[in-house]
Every structure is written in structure tokens, then in C-alpha cells.
Amino acid sequence: MAPYRSRKLAGVKAYLRGDIVVANLEPVEGSEQRGEARPCLIVSSDQINQTLPIVIICPLTTKFRGHYRFGPVIFPAGVGGLQEDSVVLTMQIRSIDKSRIKRYIGSVSRDRMEELAESLRVVLDLD
């Protein structure tokens, strides 16, 4: 999956499914994942990413806790440019405006995205 950084389509910055970016998720409410500089995985389709001013993301964390039993996906350090082992918080899926994205870190492989898709099927009860 080759990253695509600088192209704009109809004035909208294009990101790809599988990109890992740093985003500002503040302000939040309640139990939403916090972070002014939170790594996030873009899970929305490339069609959405290239057309709309939003992307759908799952935040990542380096803190491994037991309540991640709902379809946990772990990316080892080095995957997608991550510096530490990280858990994709599929239960925290949300859309964000692209203006919240501060920088690009890297991209994950198609195989990793398939693993993630299975986790999202569990979390969203799509089967």
C-alpha cells in the first residue's frame, strides 16, 4: 500500500486507508480516547478519504489493558512507522475532520488491514 501525501482532490487533502497519522482528538467527552497528539489509523475507504473533508479513524495506544478483548489488534513497533508496540482501539472508532491531522507517520500493509477488518466486524457486529 503506497502512501499518498500531497495530492488534493477538489481542494480536499487525500489520505489512504491504512495510513497512520498523528491527530488532535481534543476536546473529548467521557470515555472517548484523549490526546492532542494521538496516533490514529485511517480505516475509511479511499473514496471517502479523497472526497470528503473527514476520515474515519481508530486511535492507537501503547497501554495494553484487559478491556481490549473486543477484537484487539496489536501492531508491533516498526509497523507503519510506529516507535512502540501499539493496540488499535477498534471500539473507539470515530470520524474526524482532516484539519485535526497534524502529520503522517506511515502506512500498514493490506494484510494488517485485513486483520483490522476482522476486528471491526466483531466490534460492529457485522457478521
N, C-alpha and C. Protein backbone atom coordinates (compact mmCIF):
# COMPACT_ATOMS: atom_id res chain seq x y z
N MET A 1 0.84 -1.16 0.00
CA MET A 1 0.00 0.00 0.00
C MET A 1 0.90 1.23 0.00
N ALA A 2 0.99 1.91 -1.10
CA ALA A 2 1.86 3.08 -1.22
C ALA A 2 1.16 4.31 -0.66
N PRO A 3 1.82 5.03 0.25
CA PRO A 3 1.18 6.22 0.80
C PRO A 3 1.06 7.34 -0.22
N TYR A 4 0.08 8.16 -0.04
CA TYR A 4 -0.19 9.28 -0.94
C TYR A 4 -0.34 10.53 -0.10
N ARG A 5 0.60 11.42 -0.17
CA ARG A 5 0.66 12.52 0.79
C ARG A 5 0.17 13.86 0.30
N SER A 6 0.53 14.29 -0.88
CA SER A 6 0.39 15.70 -1.19
C SER A 6 -0.75 16.06 -2.14
N ARG A 7 -1.37 15.09 -2.75
CA ARG A 7 -2.42 15.39 -3.72
C ARG A 7 -3.66 15.93 -3.04
N LYS A 8 -4.28 16.87 -3.69
CA LYS A 8 -5.57 17.37 -3.24
C LYS A 8 -6.57 17.13 -4.35
N LEU A 9 -7.72 16.62 -3.97
CA LEU A 9 -8.80 16.40 -4.92
C LEU A 9 -9.93 17.36 -4.55
N ALA A 10 -10.30 18.20 -5.48
CA ALA A 10 -11.36 19.19 -5.24
C ALA A 10 -11.10 19.97 -3.95
N GLY A 11 -9.83 20.27 -3.69
CA GLY A 11 -9.46 21.05 -2.52
C GLY A 11 -9.41 20.27 -1.23
N VAL A 12 -9.59 18.94 -1.27
CA VAL A 12 -9.60 18.11 -0.07
C VAL A 12 -8.32 17.27 -0.04
N LYS A 13 -7.55 17.36 1.04
CA LYS A 13 -6.33 16.58 1.16
C LYS A 13 -6.65 15.10 1.17
N ALA A 14 -5.89 14.32 0.42
CA ALA A 14 -6.17 12.89 0.28
C ALA A 14 -5.28 12.07 1.22
N TYR A 15 -5.90 11.21 1.97
CA TYR A 15 -5.21 10.20 2.78
C TYR A 15 -5.72 8.85 2.31
N LEU A 16 -4.99 7.80 2.64
CA LEU A 16 -5.38 6.46 2.23
C LEU A 16 -5.76 5.60 3.42
N ARG A 17 -6.66 4.67 3.19
CA ARG A 17 -6.97 3.64 4.18
C ARG A 17 -5.66 2.94 4.53
N GLY A 18 -5.38 2.81 5.81
CA GLY A 18 -4.15 2.16 6.25
C GLY A 18 -3.05 3.14 6.64
N ASP A 19 -3.28 4.43 6.41
CA ASP A 19 -2.31 5.44 6.85
C ASP A 19 -2.39 5.59 8.36
N ILE A 20 -1.23 5.76 8.98
CA ILE A 20 -1.16 6.12 10.39
C ILE A 20 -0.75 7.57 10.46
N VAL A 21 -1.55 8.35 11.18
CA VAL A 21 -1.33 9.78 11.29
C VAL A 21 -1.37 10.18 12.77
N VAL A 22 -0.83 11.34 13.06
CA VAL A 22 -0.97 11.93 14.40
C VAL A 22 -2.10 12.95 14.30
N ALA A 23 -3.08 12.82 15.20
CA ALA A 23 -4.24 13.72 15.17
C ALA A 23 -4.51 14.28 16.55
N ASN A 24 -5.12 15.45 16.56
CA ASN A 24 -5.57 16.08 17.79
C ASN A 24 -7.02 15.65 18.03
N LEU A 25 -7.25 14.83 19.05
CA LEU A 25 -8.59 14.33 19.33
C LEU A 25 -9.32 15.16 20.39
N GLU A 26 -8.70 16.22 20.86
CA GLU A 26 -9.34 17.08 21.86
C GLU A 26 -10.25 18.10 21.16
N PRO A 27 -11.34 18.51 21.74
CA PRO A 27 -11.86 18.09 23.04
C PRO A 27 -12.60 16.76 22.94
N VAL A 28 -12.68 16.07 24.04
CA VAL A 28 -13.40 14.80 24.11
C VAL A 28 -14.42 14.87 25.23
N GLU A 29 -15.26 13.86 25.29
CA GLU A 29 -16.25 13.75 26.36
C GLU A 29 -16.17 12.36 26.95
N GLY A 30 -16.38 12.25 28.24
CA GLY A 30 -16.49 10.96 28.90
C GLY A 30 -15.31 10.04 28.65
N SER A 31 -15.61 8.86 28.15
CA SER A 31 -14.60 7.81 27.95
C SER A 31 -13.97 7.81 26.57
N GLU A 32 -14.19 8.85 25.78
CA GLU A 32 -13.56 8.92 24.46
C GLU A 32 -12.04 9.00 24.61
N GLN A 33 -11.33 8.43 23.66
CA GLN A 33 -9.87 8.44 23.69
C GLN A 33 -9.34 9.86 23.59
N ARG A 34 -8.46 10.23 24.49
CA ARG A 34 -7.90 11.58 24.55
C ARG A 34 -6.60 11.68 23.79
N GLY A 35 -6.18 12.90 23.54
CA GLY A 35 -4.84 13.14 23.03
C GLY A 35 -4.77 14.28 22.05
N GLU A 36 -3.88 15.22 22.33
CA GLU A 36 -3.62 16.30 21.40
C GLU A 36 -2.67 15.85 20.30
N ALA A 37 -1.94 14.77 20.54
CA ALA A 37 -1.02 14.22 19.55
C ALA A 37 -1.13 12.70 19.59
N ARG A 38 -2.28 12.17 19.20
CA ARG A 38 -2.59 10.74 19.28
C ARG A 38 -2.38 10.07 17.94
N PRO A 39 -1.59 8.98 17.89
CA PRO A 39 -1.51 8.23 16.63
C PRO A 39 -2.86 7.57 16.34
N CYS A 40 -3.26 7.62 15.08
CA CYS A 40 -4.55 7.08 14.66
C CYS A 40 -4.38 6.35 13.33
N LEU A 41 -5.15 5.30 13.15
CA LEU A 41 -5.16 4.54 11.90
C LEU A 41 -6.39 4.94 11.11
N ILE A 42 -6.20 5.34 9.86
CA ILE A 42 -7.33 5.68 9.00
C ILE A 42 -7.95 4.39 8.46
N VAL A 43 -9.25 4.21 8.74
CA VAL A 43 -9.94 2.98 8.35
C VAL A 43 -11.02 3.23 7.30
N SER A 44 -11.30 4.48 6.99
CA SER A 44 -12.31 4.79 5.97
C SER A 44 -11.80 4.44 4.58
N SER A 45 -12.73 4.25 3.67
CA SER A 45 -12.37 3.88 2.29
C SER A 45 -11.65 5.04 1.60
N ASP A 46 -10.84 4.71 0.62
CA ASP A 46 -10.13 5.74 -0.14
C ASP A 46 -11.11 6.68 -0.84
N GLN A 47 -12.26 6.17 -1.23
CA GLN A 47 -13.26 7.03 -1.87
C GLN A 47 -13.73 8.11 -0.90
N ILE A 48 -14.01 7.74 0.34
CA ILE A 48 -14.39 8.73 1.36
C ILE A 48 -13.22 9.67 1.62
N ASN A 49 -12.03 9.11 1.78
CA ASN A 49 -10.84 9.91 2.11
C ASN A 49 -10.53 10.95 1.05
N GLN A 50 -10.79 10.63 -0.20
CA GLN A 50 -10.45 11.53 -1.29
C GLN A 50 -11.58 12.48 -1.67
N THR A 51 -12.76 12.28 -1.09
CA THR A 51 -13.92 13.08 -1.46
C THR A 51 -14.38 14.01 -0.35
N LEU A 52 -14.37 13.52 0.88
CA LEU A 52 -14.94 14.28 1.99
C LEU A 52 -13.85 14.95 2.84
N PRO A 53 -14.21 15.95 3.62
CA PRO A 53 -13.24 16.61 4.49
C PRO A 53 -13.02 15.87 5.81
N ILE A 54 -13.54 14.65 5.92
CA ILE A 54 -13.36 13.84 7.12
C ILE A 54 -12.68 12.53 6.77
N VAL A 55 -12.16 11.86 7.78
CA VAL A 55 -11.69 10.49 7.68
C VAL A 55 -12.24 9.74 8.89
N ILE A 56 -12.36 8.44 8.77
CA ILE A 56 -12.77 7.61 9.90
C ILE A 56 -11.51 6.95 10.44
N ILE A 57 -11.31 7.07 11.76
CA ILE A 57 -10.07 6.60 12.37
C ILE A 57 -10.34 5.68 13.56
N CYS A 58 -9.32 4.92 13.89
CA CYS A 58 -9.25 4.21 15.17
C CYS A 58 -7.99 4.71 15.86
N PRO A 59 -8.11 5.24 17.07
CA PRO A 59 -6.92 5.68 17.80
C PRO A 59 -6.05 4.48 18.17
N LEU A 60 -4.78 4.75 18.42
CA LEU A 60 -3.85 3.73 18.90
C LEU A 60 -3.35 4.10 20.28
N THR A 61 -2.95 3.10 21.04
CA THR A 61 -2.37 3.33 22.36
C THR A 61 -1.23 2.35 22.59
N THR A 62 -0.30 2.74 23.44
CA THR A 62 0.79 1.84 23.85
C THR A 62 0.47 1.19 25.19
N LYS A 63 -0.66 1.55 25.79
CA LYS A 63 -1.06 1.00 27.08
C LYS A 63 -1.99 -0.19 26.84
N PHE A 64 -1.51 -1.37 27.19
CA PHE A 64 -2.28 -2.60 26.98
C PHE A 64 -3.11 -2.90 28.22
N ARG A 65 -4.42 -2.95 28.07
CA ARG A 65 -5.32 -3.20 29.19
C ARG A 65 -6.26 -4.34 28.82
N GLY A 66 -6.78 -5.01 29.84
CA GLY A 66 -7.64 -6.16 29.65
C GLY A 66 -8.92 -5.89 28.90
N HIS A 67 -9.46 -4.65 28.96
CA HIS A 67 -10.75 -4.39 28.31
C HIS A 67 -10.60 -4.27 26.79
N TYR A 68 -9.41 -4.52 26.26
CA TYR A 68 -9.23 -4.52 24.81
C TYR A 68 -9.56 -5.89 24.22
N ARG A 69 -10.35 -6.67 24.95
CA ARG A 69 -10.69 -8.01 24.49
C ARG A 69 -11.64 -8.01 23.30
N PHE A 70 -12.24 -6.86 23.01
CA PHE A 70 -13.19 -6.77 21.91
C PHE A 70 -12.43 -6.57 20.60
N GLY A 71 -11.94 -7.65 20.06
CA GLY A 71 -11.27 -7.59 18.77
C GLY A 71 -9.96 -6.83 18.78
N PRO A 72 -9.05 -7.10 19.75
CA PRO A 72 -7.80 -6.34 19.78
C PRO A 72 -6.92 -6.61 18.57
N VAL A 73 -6.29 -5.56 18.08
CA VAL A 73 -5.31 -5.67 17.00
C VAL A 73 -4.05 -5.00 17.51
N ILE A 74 -2.95 -5.74 17.51
CA ILE A 74 -1.68 -5.21 18.01
C ILE A 74 -0.73 -5.04 16.85
N PHE A 75 -0.15 -3.85 16.73
CA PHE A 75 0.88 -3.57 15.74
C PHE A 75 2.21 -3.49 16.47
N PRO A 76 3.15 -4.37 16.14
CA PRO A 76 4.47 -4.29 16.78
C PRO A 76 5.21 -3.02 16.36
N ALA A 77 6.14 -2.60 17.19
CA ALA A 77 6.98 -1.45 16.85
C ALA A 77 7.57 -1.65 15.47
N GLY A 78 7.62 -0.57 14.70
CA GLY A 78 8.15 -0.63 13.34
C GLY A 78 7.08 -0.72 12.27
N VAL A 79 5.92 -1.31 12.61
CA VAL A 79 4.83 -1.40 11.65
C VAL A 79 4.27 0.00 11.42
N GLY A 80 4.18 0.40 10.19
CA GLY A 80 3.61 1.69 9.83
C GLY A 80 4.33 2.89 10.42
N GLY A 81 5.60 2.70 10.78
CA GLY A 81 6.37 3.80 11.34
C GLY A 81 6.19 4.00 12.83
N LEU A 82 5.47 3.10 13.49
CA LEU A 82 5.26 3.22 14.94
C LEU A 82 6.55 2.93 15.70
N GLN A 83 6.82 3.69 16.73
CA GLN A 83 8.03 3.52 17.52
C GLN A 83 7.88 2.51 18.64
N GLU A 84 6.63 2.22 19.04
CA GLU A 84 6.37 1.28 20.13
C GLU A 84 5.25 0.32 19.72
N ASP A 85 5.21 -0.86 20.38
CA ASP A 85 4.08 -1.76 20.20
C ASP A 85 2.81 -0.98 20.52
N SER A 86 1.78 -1.14 19.70
CA SER A 86 0.55 -0.35 19.88
C SER A 86 -0.68 -1.21 19.65
N VAL A 87 -1.74 -0.87 20.39
CA VAL A 87 -3.04 -1.52 20.22
C VAL A 87 -3.94 -0.57 19.43
N VAL A 88 -4.60 -1.10 18.40
CA VAL A 88 -5.59 -0.32 17.66
C VAL A 88 -6.90 -0.41 18.44
N LEU A 89 -7.40 0.73 18.85
CA LEU A 89 -8.62 0.77 19.67
C LEU A 89 -9.85 0.77 18.77
N THR A 90 -10.19 -0.41 18.27
CA THR A 90 -11.31 -0.51 17.32
C THR A 90 -12.64 -0.12 17.96
N MET A 91 -12.75 -0.25 19.28
CA MET A 91 -14.00 0.14 19.93
C MET A 91 -14.12 1.65 20.08
N GLN A 92 -13.08 2.40 19.69
CA GLN A 92 -13.10 3.87 19.76
C GLN A 92 -13.18 4.49 18.36
N ILE A 93 -13.68 3.74 17.39
CA ILE A 93 -13.78 4.23 16.01
C ILE A 93 -14.59 5.53 15.97
N ARG A 94 -14.14 6.49 15.17
CA ARG A 94 -14.85 7.77 15.05
C ARG A 94 -14.40 8.49 13.79
N SER A 95 -15.20 9.45 13.37
CA SER A 95 -14.79 10.30 12.25
C SER A 95 -14.20 11.59 12.81
N ILE A 96 -13.23 12.13 12.09
CA ILE A 96 -12.62 13.41 12.46
C ILE A 96 -12.45 14.25 11.19
N ASP A 97 -12.45 15.54 11.37
CA ASP A 97 -12.15 16.44 10.27
C ASP A 97 -10.65 16.35 9.96
N LYS A 98 -10.29 16.45 8.71
CA LYS A 98 -8.88 16.35 8.32
C LYS A 98 -8.01 17.45 8.93
N SER A 99 -8.64 18.55 9.34
CA SER A 99 -7.87 19.62 9.97
C SER A 99 -7.29 19.18 11.32
N ARG A 100 -7.81 18.10 11.90
CA ARG A 100 -7.28 17.56 13.15
C ARG A 100 -5.97 16.79 12.92
N ILE A 101 -5.69 16.40 11.68
CA ILE A 101 -4.49 15.62 11.39
C ILE A 101 -3.28 16.55 11.36
N LYS A 102 -2.29 16.21 12.16
CA LYS A 102 -1.10 17.05 12.30
C LYS A 102 0.07 16.56 11.45
N ARG A 103 0.21 15.23 11.32
CA ARG A 103 1.28 14.72 10.47
C ARG A 103 1.06 13.25 10.15
N TYR A 104 1.72 12.83 9.10
CA TYR A 104 1.69 11.44 8.62
C TYR A 104 2.85 10.69 9.26
N ILE A 105 2.58 9.45 9.74
CA ILE A 105 3.64 8.61 10.31
C ILE A 105 4.07 7.54 9.32
N GLY A 106 3.10 6.81 8.75
CA GLY A 106 3.41 5.71 7.85
C GLY A 106 2.14 5.01 7.41
N SER A 107 2.30 3.85 6.78
CA SER A 107 1.16 3.07 6.32
C SER A 107 1.36 1.61 6.71
N VAL A 108 0.25 0.91 6.89
CA VAL A 108 0.32 -0.52 7.21
C VAL A 108 -0.06 -1.33 5.98
N SER A 109 0.32 -2.59 5.99
CA SER A 109 0.12 -3.47 4.84
C SER A 109 -1.35 -3.86 4.69
N ARG A 110 -1.66 -4.36 3.53
CA ARG A 110 -3.01 -4.85 3.24
C ARG A 110 -3.36 -6.00 4.20
N ASP A 111 -2.39 -6.87 4.51
CA ASP A 111 -2.64 -7.97 5.45
C ASP A 111 -3.02 -7.45 6.83
N ARG A 112 -2.35 -6.41 7.29
CA ARG A 112 -2.68 -5.80 8.59
C ARG A 112 -4.09 -5.21 8.55
N MET A 113 -4.45 -4.61 7.43
CA MET A 113 -5.79 -4.03 7.31
C MET A 113 -6.87 -5.11 7.28
N GLU A 114 -6.55 -6.27 6.73
CA GLU A 114 -7.50 -7.40 6.76
C GLU A 114 -7.71 -7.87 8.19
N GLU A 115 -6.63 -7.94 8.96
CA GLU A 115 -6.72 -8.29 10.38
C GLU A 115 -7.60 -7.28 11.11
N LEU A 116 -7.40 -6.02 10.80
CA LEU A 116 -8.20 -4.96 11.41
C LEU A 116 -9.67 -5.07 11.00
N ALA A 117 -9.92 -5.37 9.74
CA ALA A 117 -11.30 -5.50 9.25
C ALA A 117 -12.04 -6.58 10.03
N GLU A 118 -11.36 -7.66 10.34
CA GLU A 118 -11.98 -8.73 11.14
C GLU A 118 -12.34 -8.22 12.53
N SER A 119 -11.44 -7.45 13.12
CA SER A 119 -11.71 -6.87 14.43
C SER A 119 -12.91 -5.92 14.38
N LEU A 120 -12.99 -5.09 13.35
CA LEU A 120 -14.12 -4.17 13.21
C LEU A 120 -15.44 -4.94 13.01
N ARG A 121 -15.38 -6.07 12.33
CA ARG A 121 -16.59 -6.89 12.17
C ARG A 121 -17.10 -7.35 13.54
N VAL A 122 -16.17 -7.72 14.43
CA VAL A 122 -16.54 -8.14 15.78
C VAL A 122 -17.11 -6.97 16.57
N VAL A 123 -16.41 -5.86 16.57
CA VAL A 123 -16.82 -4.68 17.34
C VAL A 123 -18.16 -4.14 16.87
N LEU A 124 -18.37 -4.11 15.56
CA LEU A 124 -19.60 -3.55 14.99
C LEU A 124 -20.70 -4.61 14.76
N ASP A 125 -20.40 -5.88 15.13
CA ASP A 125 -21.35 -6.98 14.98
C ASP A 125 -21.88 -7.07 13.55
N LEU A 126 -20.94 -7.11 12.60
CA LEU A 126 -21.32 -7.14 11.19
C LEU A 126 -21.50 -8.53 10.61
N ASP A 127 -21.23 -9.56 11.39
CA ASP A 127 -21.40 -10.92 10.87
C ASP A 127 -22.75 -11.50 11.24
